[in-house]
Amino acid sequence: MRRKHSVSLAMAAAAVLVCGTVGFAAKAKFNKVVEIGAKAPVWKGLVGVDDKKHSLEDYKDAHVLVTVFTCNHCPVAVDYQDRLIQFTKDYQEKGVQVVAINVNNIEPDKLDKMKERAAEKGFNFPYLYDPTQKVGHDYGATVTPHVFVLNKERAIAYMGAVDDNQNAEKVTKHYLRDAVNALLDGSRPAVAESQQFGCSIKYDN
């Protein structure tokens, strides 16, 4: 049995409040690469577990695009898989698209293993692989899972953790859901950034 490393708000999920006008860019506290309000980096040609190539442009019709950097092997990422599946079920009819991206090149995280995991869990969202790791670097993704919520204009409206606790029964802050709900209501997320937590992404360099 794998040992559970529960991460709580007190340990690792401080939140940042960001307010302002449309187009406002705020310097990130927990990301050294991108800012809140900045245009999301464009990506294309990522192969999914469906063996098709996917691009950011493919999801242009989504009102909100949730990009989650995740992987197979990380215990924290594994604990969030069911939550992402349920989130997709709850929001897919509201114009919200979830896309999961893996950039790890270690054996448990390669495309063949991704296909096995997606089939086993019944992923209801695209699960894409970027062995070049470029998209991870472009977004400043550091851990799995690391969430980026993009608004209709594909500016970054929220980034950080899904919620405030690895243990689903102890969650008190629903960062992802709150951010998406705000965007669907035509407003800015009250919490635009939180401290991401999970296993470090295994960058080759």
C-alpha atoms as a PDB file:
ATOM      1  CA  MET A   1       0.000   0.000   0.000  1.00  0.00           C
ATOM      2  CA  ARG A   2       1.393   3.368  -0.944  1.00  0.00           C
ATOM      3  CA  ARG A   3       1.930   5.889   1.807  1.00  0.00           C
ATOM      4  CA  LYS A   4      -0.360   8.921   1.587  1.00  0.00           C
ATOM      5  CA  HIS A   5       1.296  12.320   1.750  1.00  0.00           C
ATOM      6  CA  SER A   6      -1.645  14.572   2.614  1.00  0.00           C
ATOM      7  CA  VAL A   7      -1.012  18.253   1.940  1.00  0.00           C
ATOM      8  CA  SER A   8      -3.137  20.805   3.777  1.00  0.00           C
ATOM      9  CA  LEU A   9      -3.784  24.506   3.396  1.00  0.00           C
ATOM     10  CA  ALA A  10      -1.693  25.224   6.453  1.00  0.00           C
ATOM     11  CA  MET A  11       1.232  23.366   4.926  1.00  0.00           C
ATOM     12  CA  ALA A  12       1.230  24.518   1.331  1.00  0.00           C
ATOM     13  CA  ALA A  13      -1.728  26.419  -0.075  1.00  0.00           C
ATOM     14  CA  ALA A  14      -1.590  30.118   0.659  1.00  0.00           C
ATOM     15  CA  ALA A  15      -3.861  32.075  -1.654  1.00  0.00           C
ATOM     16  CA  VAL A  16      -3.408  35.406  -3.388  1.00  0.00           C
ATOM     17  CA  LEU A  17      -6.273  37.808  -4.049  1.00  0.00           C
ATOM     18  CA  VAL A  18      -5.996  39.681  -7.335  1.00  0.00           C
ATOM     19  CA  CYS A  19      -8.464  42.320  -8.484  1.00  0.00           C
ATOM     20  CA  GLY A  20      -8.572  44.915 -11.213  1.00  0.00           C
ATOM     21  CA  THR A  21      -9.944  45.647 -14.649  1.00  0.00           C
ATOM     22  CA  VAL A  22     -10.134  43.414 -17.672  1.00  0.00           C
ATOM     23  CA  GLY A  23      -6.689  42.982 -19.178  1.00  0.00           C
ATOM     24  CA  PHE A  24      -4.966  43.691 -15.881  1.00  0.00           C
ATOM     25  CA  ALA A  25      -1.783  41.668 -15.425  1.00  0.00           C
ATOM     26  CA  ALA A  26      -0.610  40.921 -11.922  1.00  0.00           C
ATOM     27  CA  LYS A  27       2.836  39.650 -11.063  1.00  0.00           C
ATOM     28  CA  ALA A  28       2.595  36.095  -9.823  1.00  0.00           C
ATOM     29  CA  LYS A  29       3.755  35.094  -6.385  1.00  0.00           C
ATOM     30  CA  PHE A  30       4.125  31.376  -7.069  1.00  0.00           C
ATOM     31  CA  ASN A  31       5.081  31.349 -10.755  1.00  0.00           C
ATOM     32  CA  LYS A  32       8.295  32.754 -12.214  1.00  0.00           C
ATOM     33  CA  VAL A  33       7.202  32.540 -15.864  1.00  0.00           C
ATOM     34  CA  VAL A  34       3.614  33.722 -16.395  1.00  0.00           C
ATOM     35  CA  GLU A  35       1.349  36.280 -14.754  1.00  0.00           C
ATOM     36  CA  ILE A  36      -2.329  36.497 -13.954  1.00  0.00           C
ATOM     37  CA  GLY A  37      -4.087  38.302 -16.801  1.00  0.00           C
ATOM     38  CA  ALA A  38      -1.381  37.489 -19.358  1.00  0.00           C
ATOM     39  CA  LYS A  39      -2.163  35.629 -22.559  1.00  0.00           C
ATOM     40  CA  ALA A  40      -1.649  31.903 -22.118  1.00  0.00           C
ATOM     41  CA  PRO A  41       1.271  30.416 -24.067  1.00  0.00           C
ATOM     42  CA  VAL A  42       0.121  28.737 -27.270  1.00  0.00           C
ATOM     43  CA  TRP A  43       0.827  25.048 -27.764  1.00  0.00           C
ATOM     44  CA  LYS A  44       0.154  22.664 -30.624  1.00  0.00           C
ATOM     45  CA  GLY A  45       0.856  19.181 -31.926  1.00  0.00           C
ATOM     46  CA  LEU A  46       0.668  17.358 -28.596  1.00  0.00           C
ATOM     47  CA  VAL A  47      -0.209  13.677 -28.979  1.00  0.00           C
ATOM     48  CA  GLY A  48      -3.023  12.418 -26.795  1.00  0.00           C
ATOM     49  CA  VAL A  49      -3.905   9.008 -25.494  1.00  0.00           C
ATOM     50  CA  ASP A  50      -6.283   8.890 -28.470  1.00  0.00           C
ATOM     51  CA  ASP A  51      -3.201   9.009 -30.771  1.00  0.00           C
ATOM     52  CA  LYS A  52      -4.413  12.298 -32.247  1.00  0.00           C
ATOM     53  CA  LYS A  53      -2.515  15.593 -32.206  1.00  0.00           C
ATOM     54  CA  HIS A  54      -4.067  18.347 -30.122  1.00  0.00           C
ATOM     55  CA  SER A  55      -3.568  22.117 -30.112  1.00  0.00           C
ATOM     56  CA  LEU A  56      -4.807  24.978 -27.968  1.00  0.00           C
ATOM     57  CA  GLU A  57      -6.735  26.207 -30.985  1.00  0.00           C
ATOM     58  CA  ASP A  58      -8.765  22.989 -31.021  1.00  0.00           C
ATOM     59  CA  TYR A  59     -10.617  24.185 -27.921  1.00  0.00           C
ATOM     60  CA  LYS A  60     -11.445  27.699 -29.143  1.00  0.00           C
ATOM     61  CA  ASP A  61     -15.165  27.138 -28.623  1.00  0.00           C
ATOM     62  CA  ALA A  62     -14.803  26.503 -24.882  1.00  0.00           C
ATOM     63  CA  HIS A  63     -15.856  29.430 -22.718  1.00  0.00           C
ATOM     64  CA  VAL A  64     -13.324  28.363 -20.095  1.00  0.00           C
ATOM     65  CA  LEU A  65     -10.298  26.117 -20.645  1.00  0.00           C
ATOM     66  CA  VAL A  66      -8.805  24.328 -17.656  1.00  0.00           C
ATOM     67  CA  THR A  67      -5.265  23.094 -18.297  1.00  0.00           C
ATOM     68  CA  VAL A  68      -3.890  20.687 -15.707  1.00  0.00           C
ATOM     69  CA  PHE A  69      -0.276  19.554 -15.682  1.00  0.00           C
ATOM     70  CA  THR A  70      -0.347  16.071 -14.215  1.00  0.00           C
ATOM     71  CA  CYS A  71       1.189  12.611 -14.598  1.00  0.00           C
ATOM     72  CA  ASN A  72       0.768   8.935 -13.718  1.00  0.00           C
ATOM     73  CA  HIS A  73       3.255   8.184 -10.972  1.00  0.00           C
ATOM     74  CA  CYS A  74       2.754  11.030  -8.487  1.00  0.00           C
ATOM     75  CA  PRO A  75       0.604  10.070  -5.446  1.00  0.00           C
ATOM     76  CA  VAL A  76      -0.792  13.599  -5.250  1.00  0.00           C
ATOM     77  CA  ALA A  77      -1.728  13.627  -8.930  1.00  0.00           C
ATOM     78  CA  VAL A  78      -3.333  10.193  -8.540  1.00  0.00           C
ATOM     79  CA  ASP A  79      -5.451  11.443  -5.649  1.00  0.00           C
ATOM     80  CA  TYR A  80      -6.788  14.235  -7.847  1.00  0.00           C
ATOM     81  CA  GLN A  81      -7.777  12.075 -10.818  1.00  0.00           C
ATOM     82  CA  ASP A  82     -11.260  11.290  -9.536  1.00  0.00           C
ATOM     83  CA  ARG A  83     -11.790  14.949  -8.662  1.00  0.00           C
ATOM     84  CA  LEU A  84     -10.881  16.005 -12.193  1.00  0.00           C
ATOM     85  CA  ILE A  85     -13.213  13.373 -13.643  1.00  0.00           C
ATOM     86  CA  GLN A  86     -16.061  14.621 -11.448  1.00  0.00           C
ATOM     87  CA  PHE A  87     -15.243  18.250 -12.232  1.00  0.00           C
ATOM     88  CA  THR A  88     -15.474  17.480 -15.944  1.00  0.00           C
ATOM     89  CA  LYS A  89     -18.839  15.787 -15.469  1.00  0.00           C
ATOM     90  CA  ASP A  90     -20.131  18.792 -13.545  1.00  0.00           C
ATOM     91  CA  TYR A  91     -18.938  21.452 -15.997  1.00  0.00           C
ATOM     92  CA  GLN A  92     -18.758  19.941 -19.473  1.00  0.00           C
ATOM     93  CA  GLU A  93     -22.280  21.124 -20.322  1.00  0.00           C
ATOM     94  CA  LYS A  94     -21.401  24.663 -19.195  1.00  0.00           C
ATOM     95  CA  GLY A  95     -18.814  25.373 -21.868  1.00  0.00           C
ATOM     96  CA  VAL A  96     -15.842  24.318 -19.754  1.00  0.00           C
ATOM     97  CA  GLN A  97     -13.104  22.129 -21.253  1.00  0.00           C
ATOM     98  CA  VAL A  98     -10.507  20.273 -19.203  1.00  0.00           C
ATOM     99  CA  VAL A  99      -7.207  19.291 -20.818  1.00  0.00           C
ATOM    100  CA  ALA A 100      -4.564  17.320 -18.914  1.00  0.00           C
ATOM    101  CA  ILE A 101      -0.931  17.513 -20.017  1.00  0.00           C
ATOM    102  CA  ASN A 102       1.980  15.332 -18.920  1.00  0.00           C
ATOM    103  CA  VAL A 103       5.572  16.404 -19.597  1.00  0.00           C
ATOM    104  CA  ASN A 104       7.449  13.827 -17.527  1.00  0.00           C
ATOM    105  CA  ASN A 105       9.700  11.465 -19.491  1.00  0.00           C
ATOM    106  CA  ILE A 106      10.273   8.843 -16.820  1.00  0.00           C
ATOM    107  CA  GLU A 107       9.050   5.333 -17.674  1.00  0.00           C
ATOM    108  CA  PRO A 108       5.844   5.315 -15.558  1.00  0.00           C
ATOM    109  CA  ASP A 109       4.718   8.512 -17.270  1.00  0.00           C
ATOM    110  CA  LYS A 110       5.355   7.770 -20.932  1.00  0.00           C
ATOM    111  CA  LEU A 111       2.557   7.653 -23.481  1.00  0.00           C
ATOM    112  CA  ASP A 112       1.918   3.915 -23.308  1.00  0.00           C
ATOM    113  CA  LYS A 113       1.427   4.142 -19.546  1.00  0.00           C
ATOM    114  CA  MET A 114      -0.752   7.233 -19.978  1.00  0.00           C
ATOM    115  CA  LYS A 115      -3.030   5.227 -22.272  1.00  0.00           C
ATOM    116  CA  GLU A 116      -3.311   2.490 -19.670  1.00  0.00           C
ATOM    117  CA  ARG A 117      -4.161   4.957 -16.903  1.00  0.00           C
ATOM    118  CA  ALA A 118      -6.710   6.832 -19.003  1.00  0.00           C
ATOM    119  CA  ALA A 119      -8.471   3.588 -19.901  1.00  0.00           C
ATOM    120  CA  GLU A 120      -8.342   2.267 -16.343  1.00  0.00           C
ATOM    121  CA  LYS A 121      -9.805   5.432 -14.826  1.00  0.00           C
ATOM    122  CA  GLY A 122     -12.112   6.332 -17.683  1.00  0.00           C
ATOM    123  CA  PHE A 123     -10.711   9.810 -18.218  1.00  0.00           C
ATOM    124  CA  ASN A 124     -13.399  12.026 -19.759  1.00  0.00           C
ATOM    125  CA  PHE A 125     -10.933  14.719 -20.805  1.00  0.00           C
ATOM    126  CA  PRO A 126      -7.987  14.757 -23.243  1.00  0.00           C
ATOM    127  CA  TYR A 127      -4.725  13.498 -21.727  1.00  0.00           C
ATOM    128  CA  LEU A 128      -1.777  14.794 -23.746  1.00  0.00           C
ATOM    129  CA  TYR A 129       1.958  14.121 -23.784  1.00  0.00           C
ATOM    130  CA  ASP A 130       4.754  16.591 -24.459  1.00  0.00           C
ATOM    131  CA  PRO A 131       8.103  14.768 -24.351  1.00  0.00           C
ATOM    132  CA  THR A 132       9.867  18.018 -25.325  1.00  0.00           C
ATOM    133  CA  GLN A 133       8.583  19.529 -22.064  1.00  0.00           C
ATOM    134  CA  LYS A 134       8.265  22.901 -23.809  1.00  0.00           C
ATOM    135  CA  VAL A 135       4.681  23.528 -22.768  1.00  0.00           C
ATOM    136  CA  GLY A 136       5.568  22.918 -19.123  1.00  0.00           C
ATOM    137  CA  HIS A 137       8.433  25.396 -19.286  1.00  0.00           C
ATOM    138  CA  ASP A 138       6.261  27.926 -21.134  1.00  0.00           C
ATOM    139  CA  TYR A 139       3.636  27.880 -18.383  1.00  0.00           C
ATOM    140  CA  GLY A 140       6.101  27.711 -15.521  1.00  0.00           C
ATOM    141  CA  ALA A 141       4.496  24.482 -14.324  1.00  0.00           C
ATOM    142  CA  THR A 142       6.399  23.038 -11.380  1.00  0.00           C
ATOM    143  CA  VAL A 143       4.358  20.229  -9.837  1.00  0.00           C
ATOM    144  CA  THR A 144       1.685  17.665 -10.558  1.00  0.00           C
ATOM    145  CA  PRO A 145      -1.073  18.671 -10.434  1.00  0.00           C
ATOM    146  CA  HIS A 146      -0.645  22.343 -11.445  1.00  0.00           C
ATOM    147  CA  VAL A 147      -3.770  24.087 -12.748  1.00  0.00           C
ATOM    148  CA  PHE A 148      -4.143  27.001 -15.173  1.00  0.00           C
ATOM    149  CA  VAL A 149      -7.634  28.368 -15.847  1.00  0.00           C
ATOM    150  CA  LEU A 150      -7.937  30.336 -19.079  1.00  0.00           C
ATOM    151  CA  ASN A 151     -10.823  32.686 -19.815  1.00  0.00           C
ATOM    152  CA  LYS A 152     -12.603  33.062 -23.158  1.00  0.00           C
ATOM    153  CA  GLU A 153      -9.814  35.342 -24.414  1.00  0.00           C
ATOM    154  CA  ARG A 154      -7.317  32.678 -23.276  1.00  0.00           C
ATOM    155  CA  ALA A 155      -5.758  34.902 -20.665  1.00  0.00           C
ATOM    156  CA  ILE A 156      -4.718  33.242 -17.406  1.00  0.00           C
ATOM    157  CA  ALA A 157      -7.471  33.921 -14.861  1.00  0.00           C
ATOM    158  CA  TYR A 158      -6.331  31.493 -12.152  1.00  0.00           C
ATOM    159  CA  MET A 159      -3.344  29.270 -11.500  1.00  0.00           C
ATOM    160  CA  GLY A 160      -2.224  27.059  -8.671  1.00  0.00           C
ATOM    161  CA  ALA A 161      -3.832  24.179  -6.822  1.00  0.00           C
ATOM    162  CA  VAL A 162      -7.144  22.433  -7.502  1.00  0.00           C
ATOM    163  CA  ASP A 163      -8.122  22.930  -3.878  1.00  0.00           C
ATOM    164  CA  ASP A 164      -6.452  23.117  -0.480  1.00  0.00           C
ATOM    165  CA  ASN A 165      -6.025  19.485   0.542  1.00  0.00           C
ATOM    166  CA  GLN A 166      -4.870  16.236  -1.019  1.00  0.00           C
ATOM    167  CA  ASN A 167      -7.392  14.450   1.194  1.00  0.00           C
ATOM    168  CA  ALA A 168     -10.751  15.090  -0.464  1.00  0.00           C
ATOM    169  CA  GLU A 169     -12.560  14.781   2.852  1.00  0.00           C
ATOM    170  CA  LYS A 170     -10.577  17.687   4.327  1.00  0.00           C
ATOM    171  CA  VAL A 171     -10.970  20.213   1.520  1.00  0.00           C
ATOM    172  CA  THR A 172     -12.199  23.631   2.648  1.00  0.00           C
ATOM    173  CA  LYS A 173     -11.154  25.812  -0.295  1.00  0.00           C
ATOM    174  CA  HIS A 174     -12.332  24.915  -3.805  1.00  0.00           C
ATOM    175  CA  TYR A 175      -9.993  27.144  -5.821  1.00  0.00           C
ATOM    176  CA  LEU A 176     -10.625  25.621  -9.245  1.00  0.00           C
ATOM    177  CA  ARG A 177     -14.395  25.465  -8.944  1.00  0.00           C
ATOM    178  CA  ASP A 178     -14.625  28.957  -7.493  1.00  0.00           C
ATOM    179  CA  ALA A 179     -12.472  30.408 -10.272  1.00  0.00           C
ATOM    180  CA  VAL A 180     -14.483  28.713 -13.012  1.00  0.00           C
ATOM    181  CA  ASN A 181     -17.794  29.704 -11.429  1.00  0.00           C
ATOM    182  CA  ALA A 182     -16.659  33.329 -11.319  1.00  0.00           C
ATOM    183  CA  LEU A 183     -15.718  33.285 -15.006  1.00  0.00           C
ATOM    184  CA  LEU A 184     -19.018  31.679 -15.958  1.00  0.00           C
ATOM    185  CA  ASP A 185     -20.764  34.451 -14.026  1.00  0.00           C
ATOM    186  CA  GLY A 186     -18.817  37.080 -15.964  1.00  0.00           C
ATOM    187  CA  SER A 187     -16.573  38.149 -13.102  1.00  0.00           C
ATOM    188  CA  ARG A 188     -12.956  37.769 -12.067  1.00  0.00           C
ATOM    189  CA  PRO A 189     -11.969  35.007  -9.617  1.00  0.00           C
ATOM    190  CA  ALA A 190     -11.648  36.350  -6.083  1.00  0.00           C
ATOM    191  CA  VAL A 191      -8.628  34.089  -5.637  1.00  0.00           C
ATOM    192  CA  ALA A 192      -6.551  34.270  -8.813  1.00  0.00           C
ATOM    193  CA  GLU A 193      -3.507  32.379  -7.545  1.00  0.00           C
ATOM    194  CA  SER A 194      -2.778  29.781  -4.897  1.00  0.00           C
ATOM    195  CA  GLN A 195       0.311  27.829  -3.931  1.00  0.00           C
ATOM    196  CA  GLN A 196       0.520  24.737  -6.111  1.00  0.00           C
ATOM    197  CA  PHE A 197       1.541  21.509  -4.386  1.00  0.00           C
ATOM    198  CA  GLY A 198       2.370  17.989  -5.488  1.00  0.00           C
ATOM    199  CA  CYS A 199       5.323  16.062  -6.907  1.00  0.00           C
ATOM    200  CA  SER A 200       7.919  18.101  -8.729  1.00  0.00           C
ATOM    201  CA  ILE A 201       7.801  17.864 -12.518  1.00  0.00           C
ATOM    202  CA  LYS A 202      10.798  15.863 -13.749  1.00  0.00           C
ATOM    203  CA  TYR A 203      12.357  18.282 -16.208  1.00  0.00           C
ATOM    204  CA  ASP A 204      15.257  16.918 -18.195  1.00  0.00           C
ATOM    205  CA  ASN A 205      17.010  20.307 -18.016  1.00  0.00           C
END
